[in-house]
Amino acid sequence: MKSEQLALAHCQPRKGEKAMVDGGIEDLLGELPGWSRSHDGKAIIKDFTFDNFHQTLGFINAVGFMANHEDHHPDLEAGYGHCQVLWSTHDVGGISMNDFICAARVEALLR
C-alpha cells in the first residue's frame, strides 16, 4: 500500500489481532522514507528536525490533533529543534496497520 493510500485510511480497533510479521513491516517501511523499526522491533520510529522550538511545538500539536482524531497515540520525545515519533499498538503487543496509517499521516502533515 502506497503512503498516499495509507494517509487516507483510518485506524481501526485491533484488540484480539496479532502484531504484523516481519515481511509486511519491511514492505510498508519501504513506503515511508526515514522510518525504521525500534531496537526491540515492536514499534516504528522516526526523528524529525526543525529550525527552532516553535516549529517543533507546532509539529507536536499537529501530530497530537491527528492522533486524537484517530484514537491512536504515539510516544513523543522532543527538544529544541527535534522530535522523535514512535508508533506501536499496545493491543497487539507490537506493530499494526494503525501504526503505518499514522506514520503516513505524519508525513502528509509535512508535505
Protein backbone atom coordinates (compact mmCIF):
# COMPACT_ATOMS: atom_id res chain seq x y z
CA MET A 1 0.00 0.00 0.00
CA LYS A 2 1.45 3.38 -1.01
CA SER A 3 2.00 6.11 1.60
CA GLU A 4 -0.71 8.28 -0.01
CA GLN A 5 -3.23 5.46 0.40
CA LEU A 6 -2.09 4.85 3.98
CA ALA A 7 -2.55 8.54 4.82
CA LEU A 8 -6.16 8.40 3.60
CA ALA A 9 -7.02 5.32 5.67
CA HIS A 10 -8.35 5.45 9.23
CA CYS A 11 -7.28 3.48 12.28
CA GLN A 12 -9.39 0.50 13.29
CA PRO A 13 -9.66 -1.31 16.64
CA ARG A 14 -7.04 -4.08 16.77
CA LYS A 15 -7.92 -5.87 20.02
CA GLY A 16 -7.59 -9.62 19.51
CA GLU A 17 -5.34 -9.28 16.45
CA LYS A 18 -1.71 -10.31 16.32
CA ALA A 19 1.20 -7.98 15.60
CA MET A 20 2.33 -7.74 11.98
CA VAL A 21 5.03 -10.10 10.74
CA ASP A 22 8.46 -9.02 9.51
CA GLY A 23 7.85 -9.15 5.74
CA GLY A 24 4.77 -6.97 5.88
CA ILE A 25 6.52 -4.48 8.15
CA GLU A 26 9.52 -4.17 5.86
CA ASP A 27 7.31 -3.70 2.79
CA LEU A 28 5.41 -0.85 4.43
CA LEU A 29 8.56 0.76 5.82
CA GLY A 30 9.73 0.97 2.21
CA GLU A 31 6.81 3.34 1.58
CA LEU A 32 7.79 5.65 4.44
CA PRO A 33 11.31 7.09 3.96
CA GLY A 34 13.22 7.62 7.18
CA TRP A 35 11.02 5.36 9.29
CA SER A 36 12.60 2.27 10.84
CA ARG A 37 11.91 -0.35 13.46
CA SER A 38 12.73 0.37 17.07
CA HIS A 39 15.53 -1.56 18.75
CA ASP A 40 13.07 -4.03 20.26
CA GLY A 41 11.24 -4.43 16.91
CA LYS A 42 7.85 -3.61 18.45
CA ALA A 43 7.44 -0.10 17.05
CA ILE A 44 8.25 2.13 14.11
CA ILE A 45 10.22 5.29 14.74
CA LYS A 46 11.49 8.44 13.07
CA ASP A 47 13.36 11.55 14.17
CA PHE A 48 12.20 14.88 12.76
CA THR A 49 14.28 18.06 12.84
CA PHE A 50 13.11 21.66 12.82
CA ASP A 51 14.72 25.09 12.78
CA ASN A 52 13.53 26.05 16.25
CA PHE A 53 11.44 25.09 19.26
CA HIS A 54 8.38 26.94 17.96
CA GLN A 55 8.27 24.72 14.83
CA THR A 56 8.83 21.63 16.97
CA LEU A 57 5.85 22.52 19.17
CA GLY A 58 3.69 23.19 16.11
CA PHE A 59 4.58 19.74 14.79
CA ILE A 60 3.81 18.11 18.16
CA ASN A 61 0.43 19.84 18.31
CA ALA A 62 -0.44 18.77 14.75
CA VAL A 63 0.57 15.16 15.47
CA GLY A 64 -1.42 15.25 18.72
CA PHE A 65 -4.54 16.55 16.98
CA MET A 66 -4.32 13.84 14.31
CA ALA A 67 -3.60 11.13 16.91
CA ASN A 68 -6.64 12.12 18.97
CA HIS A 69 -8.81 12.06 15.86
CA GLU A 70 -7.59 8.54 15.02
CA ASP A 71 -7.65 7.43 18.68
CA HIS A 72 -4.12 6.06 18.23
CA HIS A 73 -1.39 7.85 20.16
CA PRO A 74 2.39 7.85 19.69
CA ASP A 75 5.22 8.20 22.13
CA LEU A 76 6.96 11.52 21.52
CA GLU A 77 10.37 12.73 22.69
CA ALA A 78 11.15 16.34 21.90
CA GLY A 79 13.70 19.05 22.48
CA TYR A 80 14.90 22.18 20.78
CA GLY A 81 14.56 21.59 17.04
CA HIS A 82 13.74 17.89 17.09
CA CYS A 83 11.01 15.38 17.83
CA GLN A 84 11.17 11.60 17.78
CA VAL A 85 7.88 9.86 16.98
CA LEU A 86 7.34 6.22 17.93
CA TRP A 87 4.22 4.29 16.89
CA SER A 88 3.26 0.95 18.44
CA THR A 89 -0.06 -0.80 19.07
CA HIS A 90 -0.31 -1.94 22.66
CA ASP A 91 -3.44 -4.04 21.98
CA VAL A 92 -1.41 -6.34 19.69
CA GLY A 93 1.91 -6.12 21.52
CA GLY A 94 3.78 -4.74 18.54
CA ILE A 95 3.26 -3.13 15.16
CA SER A 96 -0.12 -2.95 13.42
CA MET A 97 -1.50 -1.29 10.32
CA ASN A 98 -2.64 1.60 12.54
CA ASP A 99 1.00 2.50 13.15
CA PHE A 100 1.67 2.77 9.43
CA ILE A 101 -1.51 4.75 8.83
CA CYS A 102 -0.50 7.28 11.46
CA ALA A 103 3.12 7.42 10.28
CA ALA A 104 1.87 8.18 6.75
CA ARG A 105 -0.43 10.86 8.18
CA VAL A 106 2.56 12.44 9.95
CA GLU A 107 4.42 12.51 6.64
CA ALA A 108 1.38 14.12 4.98
CA LEU A 109 1.40 16.85 7.65
CA LEU A 110 4.89 17.86 6.50
CA ARG A 111 4.15 17.88 2.75
